[in-house]
Amino acid sequence: MPKGSAAALSTLTGKELGEILGISDRRIRELRDDGVIPDNGMGQYVLGAAVAAYCAHLRPANGKSASGGSETGATLDAARVRLVTAQAEARELLNAQLRGEAVMTEDLEAIVGATFDAVRSKMLAVPVTAAARVVGQDDKVKVQELIAGLINDALMDMASAEVVGTVKDRARRRAGRGVIGDDGSDDADS
């Protein structure tokens, strides 16, 4: 309708405007009370102004939602964005676990804890093993070398690449994948 035409300036009741816009008379009153649709003060609406105001209300603008333009709709849209973002982050974490780039803290704690337990037991065994080997040794340098060698052997277990592989395998199992075999293939049955 051209601006200034008789149809654009005609006044309607809330019920008539609601029929044109496809919403109830009650919703028209709510929109009026919220200041969305202007009325003439006597419960009547100018068709052109009311339709323009209603369209502007539905159109996303100034941070309002695409799902109706209300604050509730904007909150719902923000919640949807947070949900999609959280789902994407969870998927990225799962993919990082599958690639062996990320591990769960509990997996790391379990493997590293077991490794330290093994190193502790080996370190506690050093004096017993060393005592049997140093008996009868008169050369202090040989005794020191022998003990240093036993300690190095125990510490090599802690620096083993096997720990890293075990943590990665556990992470892959948790993520629903098998263990990578020596040939590079997935062993989904393990």
N, C-alpha and C. Protein backbone atom coordinates (compact mmCIF):
# COMPACT_ATOMS: atom_id res chain seq x y z
N MET A 1 0.83 -1.18 0.00
CA MET A 1 0.00 0.00 0.00
C MET A 1 0.87 1.24 0.00
N PRO A 2 0.61 2.18 -0.87
CA PRO A 2 1.39 3.41 -0.87
C PRO A 2 1.12 4.19 0.40
N LYS A 3 2.17 4.89 0.84
CA LYS A 3 2.02 5.71 2.04
C LYS A 3 1.00 6.80 1.77
N GLY A 4 0.18 7.03 2.78
CA GLY A 4 -0.81 8.09 2.65
C GLY A 4 -2.10 7.62 2.01
N SER A 5 -2.17 6.38 1.56
CA SER A 5 -3.42 5.91 0.95
C SER A 5 -4.46 5.71 2.03
N ALA A 6 -5.69 5.63 1.64
CA ALA A 6 -6.79 5.50 2.59
C ALA A 6 -6.68 4.21 3.38
N ALA A 7 -6.22 3.13 2.73
CA ALA A 7 -6.11 1.84 3.41
C ALA A 7 -5.03 1.89 4.48
N ALA A 8 -3.92 2.63 4.22
CA ALA A 8 -2.83 2.73 5.18
C ALA A 8 -3.25 3.52 6.40
N LEU A 9 -4.24 4.42 6.24
CA LEU A 9 -4.67 5.27 7.35
C LEU A 9 -5.93 4.76 8.02
N SER A 10 -6.53 3.69 7.51
CA SER A 10 -7.78 3.20 8.09
C SER A 10 -7.51 2.61 9.47
N THR A 11 -8.48 2.76 10.35
CA THR A 11 -8.33 2.23 11.71
C THR A 11 -9.11 0.94 11.84
N LEU A 12 -8.54 0.05 12.68
CA LEU A 12 -9.13 -1.27 12.88
C LEU A 12 -9.24 -1.55 14.36
N THR A 13 -10.12 -2.44 14.70
CA THR A 13 -10.18 -2.92 16.09
C THR A 13 -9.04 -3.93 16.29
N GLY A 14 -8.80 -4.28 17.53
CA GLY A 14 -7.77 -5.27 17.83
C GLY A 14 -8.08 -6.61 17.20
N LYS A 15 -9.35 -6.98 17.20
CA LYS A 15 -9.76 -8.25 16.60
C LYS A 15 -9.50 -8.24 15.10
N GLU A 16 -9.85 -7.15 14.42
CA GLU A 16 -9.64 -7.06 12.97
C GLU A 16 -8.15 -7.08 12.64
N LEU A 17 -7.35 -6.35 13.41
CA LEU A 17 -5.90 -6.33 13.18
C LEU A 17 -5.31 -7.72 13.41
N GLY A 18 -5.81 -8.39 14.45
CA GLY A 18 -5.35 -9.74 14.75
C GLY A 18 -5.63 -10.70 13.62
N GLU A 19 -6.79 -10.58 13.00
CA GLU A 19 -7.15 -11.44 11.86
C GLU A 19 -6.20 -11.20 10.69
N ILE A 20 -5.85 -9.95 10.45
CA ILE A 20 -4.94 -9.62 9.35
C ILE A 20 -3.54 -10.17 9.63
N LEU A 21 -3.07 -10.01 10.89
CA LEU A 21 -1.72 -10.45 11.24
C LEU A 21 -1.64 -11.93 11.58
N GLY A 22 -2.79 -12.57 11.76
CA GLY A 22 -2.80 -13.99 12.07
C GLY A 22 -2.50 -14.28 13.54
N ILE A 23 -2.85 -13.34 14.41
CA ILE A 23 -2.66 -13.53 15.85
C ILE A 23 -3.95 -13.16 16.56
N SER A 24 -4.05 -13.50 17.83
CA SER A 24 -5.30 -13.27 18.56
C SER A 24 -5.44 -11.80 18.99
N ASP A 25 -6.67 -11.45 19.30
CA ASP A 25 -6.96 -10.13 19.83
C ASP A 25 -6.21 -9.91 21.15
N ARG A 26 -6.12 -10.95 21.94
CA ARG A 26 -5.39 -10.86 23.21
C ARG A 26 -3.92 -10.54 22.97
N ARG A 27 -3.31 -11.20 21.96
CA ARG A 27 -1.89 -10.94 21.65
C ARG A 27 -1.72 -9.50 21.16
N ILE A 28 -2.69 -9.00 20.42
CA ILE A 28 -2.65 -7.60 19.97
C ILE A 28 -2.60 -6.68 21.19
N ARG A 29 -3.47 -6.95 22.19
CA ARG A 29 -3.48 -6.12 23.40
C ARG A 29 -2.15 -6.22 24.16
N GLU A 30 -1.59 -7.44 24.23
CA GLU A 30 -0.29 -7.61 24.89
C GLU A 30 0.79 -6.79 24.19
N LEU A 31 0.81 -6.84 22.85
CA LEU A 31 1.80 -6.09 22.09
C LEU A 31 1.59 -4.59 22.27
N ARG A 32 0.34 -4.17 22.37
CA ARG A 32 0.04 -2.76 22.62
C ARG A 32 0.57 -2.36 24.00
N ASP A 33 0.28 -3.20 25.00
CA ASP A 33 0.70 -2.90 26.37
C ASP A 33 2.23 -2.89 26.50
N ASP A 34 2.90 -3.71 25.67
CA ASP A 34 4.37 -3.75 25.68
C ASP A 34 4.98 -2.61 24.86
N GLY A 35 4.13 -1.83 24.20
CA GLY A 35 4.62 -0.70 23.42
C GLY A 35 5.11 -1.09 22.03
N VAL A 36 4.75 -2.27 21.59
CA VAL A 36 5.19 -2.74 20.27
C VAL A 36 4.30 -2.17 19.17
N ILE A 37 3.00 -2.28 19.36
CA ILE A 37 2.04 -1.80 18.36
C ILE A 37 1.32 -0.56 18.93
N PRO A 38 1.39 0.56 18.22
CA PRO A 38 0.72 1.77 18.73
C PRO A 38 -0.78 1.74 18.43
N ASP A 39 -1.53 2.28 19.36
CA ASP A 39 -2.96 2.46 19.09
C ASP A 39 -3.29 3.95 19.17
N ASN A 40 -4.54 4.29 18.85
CA ASN A 40 -4.92 5.70 18.84
C ASN A 40 -5.48 6.15 20.18
N GLY A 41 -5.34 5.35 21.20
CA GLY A 41 -5.83 5.71 22.53
C GLY A 41 -7.27 5.29 22.78
N MET A 42 -7.96 4.83 21.73
CA MET A 42 -9.35 4.41 21.88
C MET A 42 -9.52 2.94 21.51
N GLY A 43 -8.42 2.19 21.62
CA GLY A 43 -8.50 0.75 21.32
C GLY A 43 -8.54 0.44 19.84
N GLN A 44 -8.16 1.40 19.01
CA GLN A 44 -8.15 1.17 17.57
C GLN A 44 -6.73 1.38 17.06
N TYR A 45 -6.43 0.77 15.92
CA TYR A 45 -5.07 0.75 15.39
C TYR A 45 -5.07 1.24 13.95
N VAL A 46 -4.08 2.03 13.62
CA VAL A 46 -3.90 2.47 12.23
C VAL A 46 -3.18 1.32 11.53
N LEU A 47 -3.79 0.82 10.46
CA LEU A 47 -3.32 -0.40 9.81
C LEU A 47 -1.85 -0.31 9.41
N GLY A 48 -1.45 0.71 8.68
CA GLY A 48 -0.07 0.81 8.19
C GLY A 48 0.94 0.86 9.33
N ALA A 49 0.68 1.67 10.34
CA ALA A 49 1.61 1.81 11.46
C ALA A 49 1.68 0.52 12.27
N ALA A 50 0.53 -0.12 12.45
CA ALA A 50 0.49 -1.36 13.25
C ALA A 50 1.24 -2.49 12.55
N VAL A 51 1.04 -2.63 11.24
CA VAL A 51 1.73 -3.69 10.48
C VAL A 51 3.23 -3.43 10.46
N ALA A 52 3.63 -2.19 10.25
CA ALA A 52 5.07 -1.85 10.24
C ALA A 52 5.70 -2.13 11.60
N ALA A 53 5.00 -1.76 12.67
CA ALA A 53 5.54 -1.98 14.02
C ALA A 53 5.64 -3.47 14.32
N TYR A 54 4.62 -4.23 13.91
CA TYR A 54 4.64 -5.67 14.15
C TYR A 54 5.77 -6.35 13.36
N CYS A 55 5.96 -5.95 12.13
CA CYS A 55 7.05 -6.51 11.31
C CYS A 55 8.41 -6.18 11.92
N ALA A 56 8.58 -4.96 12.40
CA ALA A 56 9.84 -4.57 13.04
C ALA A 56 10.06 -5.39 14.30
N HIS A 57 8.99 -5.71 15.00
CA HIS A 57 9.08 -6.52 16.21
C HIS A 57 9.55 -7.95 15.87
N LEU A 58 9.07 -8.47 14.76
CA LEU A 58 9.45 -9.84 14.38
C LEU A 58 10.86 -9.91 13.80
N ARG A 59 11.32 -8.84 13.20
CA ARG A 59 12.63 -8.80 12.57
C ARG A 59 13.72 -8.73 13.64
N PRO A 60 14.77 -9.59 13.53
CA PRO A 60 15.86 -9.51 14.51
C PRO A 60 16.61 -8.20 14.35
N ALA A 61 16.66 -7.44 15.42
CA ALA A 61 17.38 -6.17 15.40
C ALA A 61 17.76 -5.81 16.82
N ASN A 62 18.86 -5.09 16.96
CA ASN A 62 19.31 -4.61 18.26
C ASN A 62 19.43 -5.73 19.28
N GLY A 63 19.95 -6.89 18.84
CA GLY A 63 20.18 -7.98 19.78
C GLY A 63 18.95 -8.80 20.09
N LYS A 64 17.82 -8.51 19.44
CA LYS A 64 16.62 -9.29 19.70
C LYS A 64 16.70 -10.59 18.94
N SER A 65 15.85 -11.53 19.28
CA SER A 65 15.95 -12.86 18.70
C SER A 65 15.28 -12.97 17.35
N ALA A 66 15.66 -13.98 16.63
CA ALA A 66 15.02 -14.26 15.35
C ALA A 66 13.75 -15.06 15.57
N SER A 67 13.51 -15.50 16.80
CA SER A 67 12.36 -16.35 17.07
C SER A 67 11.20 -15.56 17.66
N GLY A 68 11.05 -14.33 17.27
CA GLY A 68 9.89 -13.58 17.72
C GLY A 68 10.21 -12.21 18.22
N GLY A 69 11.44 -11.88 18.47
CA GLY A 69 11.80 -10.55 18.85
C GLY A 69 11.66 -10.23 20.32
N SER A 70 11.16 -11.16 21.11
CA SER A 70 10.97 -10.86 22.53
C SER A 70 12.23 -11.16 23.31
N GLU A 71 12.29 -10.68 24.54
CA GLU A 71 13.44 -10.95 25.40
C GLU A 71 13.55 -12.45 25.67
N THR A 72 12.41 -13.12 25.84
CA THR A 72 12.42 -14.57 26.06
C THR A 72 13.02 -15.27 24.85
N GLY A 73 12.66 -14.82 23.67
CA GLY A 73 13.21 -15.41 22.45
C GLY A 73 14.70 -15.19 22.36
N ALA A 74 15.16 -14.01 22.77
CA ALA A 74 16.60 -13.73 22.75
C ALA A 74 17.32 -14.64 23.73
N THR A 75 16.72 -14.88 24.89
CA THR A 75 17.32 -15.78 25.87
C THR A 75 17.36 -17.20 25.33
N LEU A 76 16.30 -17.61 24.66
CA LEU A 76 16.26 -18.94 24.07
C LEU A 76 17.31 -19.08 22.98
N ASP A 77 17.46 -18.05 22.15
CA ASP A 77 18.50 -18.10 21.12
C ASP A 77 19.89 -18.18 21.75
N ALA A 78 20.12 -17.43 22.82
CA ALA A 78 21.42 -17.47 23.50
C ALA A 78 21.66 -18.86 24.08
N ALA A 79 20.62 -19.48 24.63
CA ALA A 79 20.75 -20.83 25.18
C ALA A 79 21.08 -21.83 24.07
N ARG A 80 20.45 -21.66 22.92
CA ARG A 80 20.74 -22.55 21.79
C ARG A 80 22.18 -22.39 21.33
N VAL A 81 22.66 -21.16 21.29
CA VAL A 81 24.05 -20.91 20.90
C VAL A 81 25.00 -21.58 21.89
N ARG A 82 24.70 -21.44 23.20
CA ARG A 82 25.54 -22.08 24.22
C ARG A 82 25.53 -23.59 24.07
N LEU A 83 24.36 -24.17 23.79
CA LEU A 83 24.26 -25.61 23.62
C LEU A 83 25.07 -26.09 22.43
N VAL A 84 24.91 -25.42 21.30
CA VAL A 84 25.64 -25.82 20.10
C VAL A 84 27.15 -25.65 20.33
N THR A 85 27.55 -24.58 21.00
CA THR A 85 28.96 -24.36 21.30
C THR A 85 29.50 -25.46 22.21
N ALA A 86 28.73 -25.82 23.23
CA ALA A 86 29.17 -26.89 24.15
C ALA A 86 29.27 -28.22 23.43
N GLN A 87 28.32 -28.51 22.54
CA GLN A 87 28.37 -29.75 21.78
C GLN A 87 29.58 -29.77 20.86
N ALA A 88 29.89 -28.64 20.24
CA ALA A 88 31.06 -28.57 19.36
C ALA A 88 32.35 -28.75 20.16
N GLU A 89 32.42 -28.13 21.35
CA GLU A 89 33.61 -28.27 22.19
C GLU A 89 33.78 -29.72 22.65
N ALA A 90 32.67 -30.38 23.01
CA ALA A 90 32.74 -31.78 23.42
C ALA A 90 33.23 -32.66 22.27
N ARG A 91 32.76 -32.37 21.07
CA ARG A 91 33.19 -33.15 19.90
C ARG A 91 34.68 -32.91 19.61
N GLU A 92 35.12 -31.65 19.76
CA GLU A 92 36.54 -31.35 19.55
C GLU A 92 37.41 -32.07 20.57
N LEU A 93 36.94 -32.14 21.82
CA LEU A 93 37.69 -32.85 22.85
C LEU A 93 37.75 -34.34 22.53
N LEU A 94 36.64 -34.91 22.10
CA LEU A 94 36.62 -36.32 21.73
C LEU A 94 37.58 -36.58 20.57
N ASN A 95 37.55 -35.71 19.57
CA ASN A 95 38.47 -35.87 18.43
C ASN A 95 39.92 -35.76 18.88
N ALA A 96 40.21 -34.83 19.79
CA ALA A 96 41.58 -34.69 20.31
C ALA A 96 41.99 -35.95 21.06
N GLN A 97 41.05 -36.57 21.78
CA GLN A 97 41.35 -37.83 22.47
C GLN A 97 41.64 -38.93 21.46
N LEU A 98 40.84 -38.98 20.41
CA LEU A 98 41.04 -40.01 19.38
C LEU A 98 42.39 -39.86 18.68
N ARG A 99 42.83 -38.61 18.52
CA ARG A 99 44.13 -38.37 17.90
C ARG A 99 45.28 -38.53 18.88
N GLY A 100 44.95 -38.71 20.16
CA GLY A 100 45.99 -38.85 21.18
C GLY A 100 46.57 -37.52 21.62
N GLU A 101 45.87 -36.43 21.36
CA GLU A 101 46.35 -35.10 21.73
C GLU A 101 45.84 -34.66 23.09
N ALA A 102 44.82 -35.32 23.62
CA ALA A 102 44.25 -34.95 24.91
C ALA A 102 43.89 -36.23 25.67
N VAL A 103 44.03 -36.18 26.97
CA VAL A 103 43.67 -37.32 27.82
C VAL A 103 42.86 -36.82 29.00
N MET A 104 42.05 -37.70 29.55
CA MET A 104 41.28 -37.38 30.73
C MET A 104 42.22 -37.36 31.93
N THR A 105 41.97 -36.48 32.84
CA THR A 105 42.80 -36.36 34.03
C THR A 105 42.83 -37.67 34.80
N GLU A 106 41.69 -38.33 34.91
CA GLU A 106 41.66 -39.58 35.66
C GLU A 106 42.49 -40.67 34.99
N ASP A 107 42.53 -40.69 33.66
CA ASP A 107 43.38 -41.65 32.95
C ASP A 107 44.85 -41.37 33.24
N LEU A 108 45.21 -40.10 33.16
CA LEU A 108 46.59 -39.72 33.41
C LEU A 108 46.99 -40.04 34.85
N GLU A 109 46.09 -39.74 35.79
CA GLU A 109 46.38 -40.04 37.19
C GLU A 109 46.56 -41.54 37.42
N ALA A 110 45.71 -42.34 36.81
CA ALA A 110 45.80 -43.79 37.00
C ALA A 110 47.11 -44.35 36.45
N ILE A 111 47.47 -43.94 35.23
CA ILE A 111 48.68 -44.47 34.60
C ILE A 111 49.93 -43.94 35.29
N VAL A 112 49.97 -42.65 35.53
CA VAL A 112 51.15 -42.06 36.17
C VAL A 112 51.28 -42.59 37.60
N GLY A 113 50.15 -42.74 38.30
CA GLY A 113 50.19 -43.30 39.64
C GLY A 113 50.75 -44.71 39.65
N ALA A 114 50.31 -45.53 38.70
CA ALA A 114 50.83 -46.91 38.61
C ALA A 114 52.31 -46.90 38.26
N THR A 115 52.71 -45.97 37.40
CA THR A 115 54.13 -45.88 37.03
C THR A 115 54.97 -45.48 38.24
N PHE A 116 54.51 -44.51 38.99
CA PHE A 116 55.27 -44.09 40.18
C PHE A 116 55.32 -45.20 41.23
N ASP A 117 54.24 -45.96 41.33
CA ASP A 117 54.26 -47.11 42.25
C ASP A 117 55.34 -48.10 41.83
N ALA A 118 55.43 -48.35 40.51
CA ALA A 118 56.45 -49.28 40.01
C ALA A 118 57.84 -48.72 40.25
N VAL A 119 58.04 -47.43 40.00
CA VAL A 119 59.36 -46.82 40.22
C VAL A 119 59.70 -46.85 41.71
N ARG A 120 58.73 -46.57 42.54
CA ARG A 120 58.96 -46.60 43.99
C ARG A 120 59.43 -47.99 44.43
N SER A 121 58.74 -49.02 43.95
CA SER A 121 59.14 -50.38 44.35
C SER A 121 60.53 -50.73 43.83
N LYS A 122 60.86 -50.26 42.62
CA LYS A 122 62.21 -50.52 42.09
C LYS A 122 63.26 -49.76 42.88
N MET A 123 62.92 -48.51 43.26
CA MET A 123 63.89 -47.72 44.04
C MET A 123 64.09 -48.34 45.42
N LEU A 124 63.03 -48.85 46.02
CA LEU A 124 63.16 -49.50 47.32
C LEU A 124 63.94 -50.82 47.22
N ALA A 125 63.93 -51.40 46.02
CA ALA A 125 64.68 -52.64 45.82
C ALA A 125 66.16 -52.39 45.58
N VAL A 126 66.55 -51.15 45.25
CA VAL A 126 67.96 -50.84 44.95
C VAL A 126 68.88 -51.21 46.12
N PRO A 127 68.57 -50.84 47.35
CA PRO A 127 69.50 -51.20 48.44
C PRO A 127 69.68 -52.72 48.60
N VAL A 128 68.57 -53.45 48.44
CA VAL A 128 68.67 -54.91 48.58
C VAL A 128 69.54 -55.49 47.47
N THR A 129 69.29 -55.06 46.23
CA THR A 129 70.08 -55.55 45.10
C THR A 129 71.52 -55.08 45.21
N ALA A 130 71.70 -53.84 45.59
CA ALA A 130 73.05 -53.28 45.69
C ALA A 130 73.85 -53.97 46.79
N ALA A 131 73.19 -54.26 47.89
CA ALA A 131 73.91 -54.90 49.00
C ALA A 131 74.51 -56.22 48.57
N ALA A 132 73.76 -56.99 47.81
CA ALA A 132 74.27 -58.29 47.37
C ALA A 132 75.42 -58.13 46.39
N ARG A 133 75.40 -57.08 45.58
CA ARG A 133 76.43 -56.89 44.56
C ARG A 133 77.69 -56.19 45.08
N VAL A 134 77.55 -55.38 46.12
CA VAL A 134 78.71 -54.63 46.60
C VAL A 134 79.49 -55.37 47.69
N VAL A 135 78.94 -56.48 48.15
CA VAL A 135 79.65 -57.23 49.18
C VAL A 135 80.99 -57.69 48.61
N GLY A 136 82.03 -57.40 49.31
CA GLY A 136 83.38 -57.78 48.89
C GLY A 136 84.04 -56.79 47.97
N GLN A 137 83.35 -55.72 47.56
CA GLN A 137 83.97 -54.71 46.71
C GLN A 137 84.77 -53.76 47.58
N ASP A 138 86.00 -53.55 47.23
CA ASP A 138 86.85 -52.64 47.99
C ASP A 138 86.95 -51.28 47.31
N ASP A 139 86.65 -51.22 46.02
CA ASP A 139 86.79 -49.99 45.26
C ASP A 139 85.50 -49.16 45.37
N LYS A 140 85.60 -47.98 46.02
CA LYS A 140 84.43 -47.12 46.23
C LYS A 140 83.85 -46.65 44.91
N VAL A 141 84.68 -46.39 43.91
CA VAL A 141 84.20 -45.92 42.61
C VAL A 141 83.33 -46.99 41.96
N LYS A 142 83.75 -48.26 42.03
CA LYS A 142 82.95 -49.35 41.45
C LYS A 142 81.62 -49.50 42.19
N VAL A 143 81.64 -49.33 43.51
CA VAL A 143 80.41 -49.40 44.30
C VAL A 143 79.46 -48.28 43.88
N GLN A 144 79.98 -47.06 43.72
CA GLN A 144 79.15 -45.92 43.31
C GLN A 144 78.58 -46.15 41.91
N GLU A 145 79.40 -46.68 41.00
CA GLU A 145 78.93 -46.94 39.63
C GLU A 145 77.84 -48.00 39.62
N LEU A 146 78.00 -49.02 40.44
CA LEU A 146 77.03 -50.09 40.52
C LEU A 146 75.68 -49.56 41.04
N ILE A 147 75.73 -48.78 42.11
CA ILE A 147 74.50 -48.21 42.68
C ILE A 147 73.87 -47.22 41.70
N ALA A 148 74.67 -46.37 41.07
CA ALA A 148 74.16 -45.42 40.08
C ALA A 148 73.50 -46.16 38.92
N GLY A 149 74.07 -47.27 38.49
CA GLY A 149 73.48 -48.06 37.40
C GLY A 149 72.13 -48.64 37.80
N LEU A 150 72.01 -49.12 39.03
CA LEU A 150 70.72 -49.66 39.50
C LEU A 150 69.66 -48.55 39.58
N ILE A 151 70.09 -47.39 40.05
CA ILE A 151 69.15 -46.26 40.13
C ILE A 151 68.73 -45.81 38.74
N ASN A 152 69.68 -45.73 37.81
CA ASN A 152 69.35 -45.36 36.42
C ASN A 152 68.37 -46.34 35.81
N ASP A 153 68.56 -47.63 36.05
CA ASP A 153 67.63 -48.63 35.51
C ASP A 153 66.21 -48.39 36.03
N ALA A 154 66.12 -48.10 37.34
CA ALA A 154 64.80 -47.86 37.93
C ALA A 154 64.16 -46.59 37.35
N LEU A 155 64.95 -45.56 37.15
CA LEU A 155 64.42 -44.30 36.62
C LEU A 155 64.08 -44.39 35.14
N MET A 156 64.73 -45.25 34.40
CA MET A 156 64.42 -45.41 32.97
C MET A 156 62.98 -45.90 32.78
N ASP A 157 62.48 -46.69 33.74
CA ASP A 157 61.10 -47.15 33.63
C ASP A 157 60.12 -45.97 33.67
N MET A 158 60.45 -44.96 34.47
CA MET A 158 59.57 -43.81 34.58
C MET A 158 59.60 -42.97 33.30
N ALA A 159 60.73 -42.92 32.61
CA ALA A 159 60.85 -42.12 31.40
C ALA A 159 60.44 -42.90 30.16
N SER A 160 59.93 -44.07 30.33
CA SER A 160 59.60 -44.94 29.21
C SER A 160 58.48 -44.36 28.34
N ALA A 161 58.59 -44.56 27.06
CA ALA A 161 57.54 -44.15 26.12
C ALA A 161 56.30 -45.02 26.31
N GLU A 162 56.45 -46.12 26.99
CA GLU A 162 55.33 -47.01 27.25
C GLU A 162 54.24 -46.31 28.06
N VAL A 163 54.64 -45.42 28.97
CA VAL A 163 53.67 -44.68 29.78
C VAL A 163 52.80 -43.82 28.86
N VAL A 164 53.43 -43.11 27.95
CA VAL A 164 52.68 -42.24 27.02
C VAL A 164 51.73 -43.08 26.18
N GLY A 165 52.21 -44.20 25.67
CA GLY A 165 51.37 -45.07 24.86
C GLY A 165 50.19 -45.63 25.64
N THR A 166 50.43 -45.99 26.89
CA THR A 166 49.36 -46.52 27.73
C THR A 166 48.29 -45.47 27.98
N VAL A 167 48.70 -44.24 28.26
CA VAL A 167 47.74 -43.15 28.50
C VAL A 167 46.92 -42.91 27.23
N LYS A 168 47.57 -42.87 26.08
CA LYS A 168 46.85 -42.63 24.82
C LYS A 168 45.89 -43.77 24.51
N ASP A 169 46.33 -45.02 24.74
CA ASP A 169 45.45 -46.16 24.48
C ASP A 169 44.22 -46.12 25.38
N ARG A 170 44.41 -45.76 26.63
CA ARG A 170 43.28 -45.67 27.56
C ARG A 170 42.33 -44.57 27.11
N ALA A 171 42.86 -43.45 26.65
CA ALA A 171 42.02 -42.35 26.17
C ALA A 171 41.24 -42.77 24.93
N ARG A 172 41.87 -43.51 24.04
CA ARG A 172 41.18 -43.98 22.83
C ARG A 172 40.05 -44.96 23.18
N ARG A 173 40.32 -45.84 24.15
CA ARG A 173 39.27 -46.77 24.58
C ARG A 173 38.09 -46.01 25.16
N ARG A 174 38.38 -45.00 25.98
CA ARG A 174 37.32 -44.21 26.60
C ARG A 174 36.50 -43.50 25.52
N ALA A 175 37.16 -43.07 24.47
CA ALA A 175 36.48 -42.35 23.38
C ALA A 175 35.76 -43.30 22.44
N GLY A 176 35.82 -44.61 22.72
CA GLY A 176 35.08 -45.57 21.90
C GLY A 176 35.88 -46.15 20.77
N ARG A 177 37.18 -46.02 20.81
CA ARG A 177 38.04 -46.57 19.77
C ARG A 177 38.94 -47.62 20.38
N GLY A 178 39.46 -48.49 19.55
CA GLY A 178 40.37 -49.54 20.02
C GLY A 178 41.77 -49.00 20.21
N VAL A 179 42.67 -49.91 20.56
CA VAL A 179 44.06 -49.58 20.77
C VAL A 179 44.78 -49.65 19.43
N ILE A 180 45.72 -48.72 19.21
CA ILE A 180 46.52 -48.75 17.99
C ILE A 180 47.58 -49.84 18.13
N GLY A 181 47.58 -50.76 17.19
CA GLY A 181 48.56 -51.84 17.21
C GLY A 181 49.89 -51.39 16.65
N ASP A 182 50.88 -52.28 16.70
CA ASP A 182 52.21 -51.96 16.16
C ASP A 182 52.17 -51.67 14.67
N ASP A 183 51.19 -52.26 13.99
CA ASP A 183 51.10 -52.04 12.54
C ASP A 183 50.30 -50.79 12.20
N GLY A 184 49.81 -50.04 13.22
CA GLY A 184 49.10 -48.79 12.99
C GLY A 184 47.60 -48.97 12.85
N SER A 185 47.11 -50.23 12.91
CA SER A 185 45.67 -50.46 12.73
C SER A 185 44.97 -50.42 14.08
N ASP A 186 43.67 -50.08 14.02
CA ASP A 186 42.86 -50.08 15.24
C ASP A 186 42.54 -51.50 15.61
N ASP A 187 42.65 -51.81 16.89
CA ASP A 187 42.25 -53.10 17.40
C ASP A 187 41.01 -52.86 18.24
N ALA A 188 39.85 -52.82 17.58
CA ALA A 188 38.61 -52.45 18.24
C ALA A 188 38.14 -53.49 19.24
N ASP A 189 38.69 -54.67 19.20
CA ASP A 189 38.24 -55.74 20.11
C ASP A 189 38.91 -55.66 21.48
N SER A 190 39.92 -54.82 21.65
CA SER A 190 40.61 -54.80 22.94
C SER A 190 39.97 -53.92 23.94
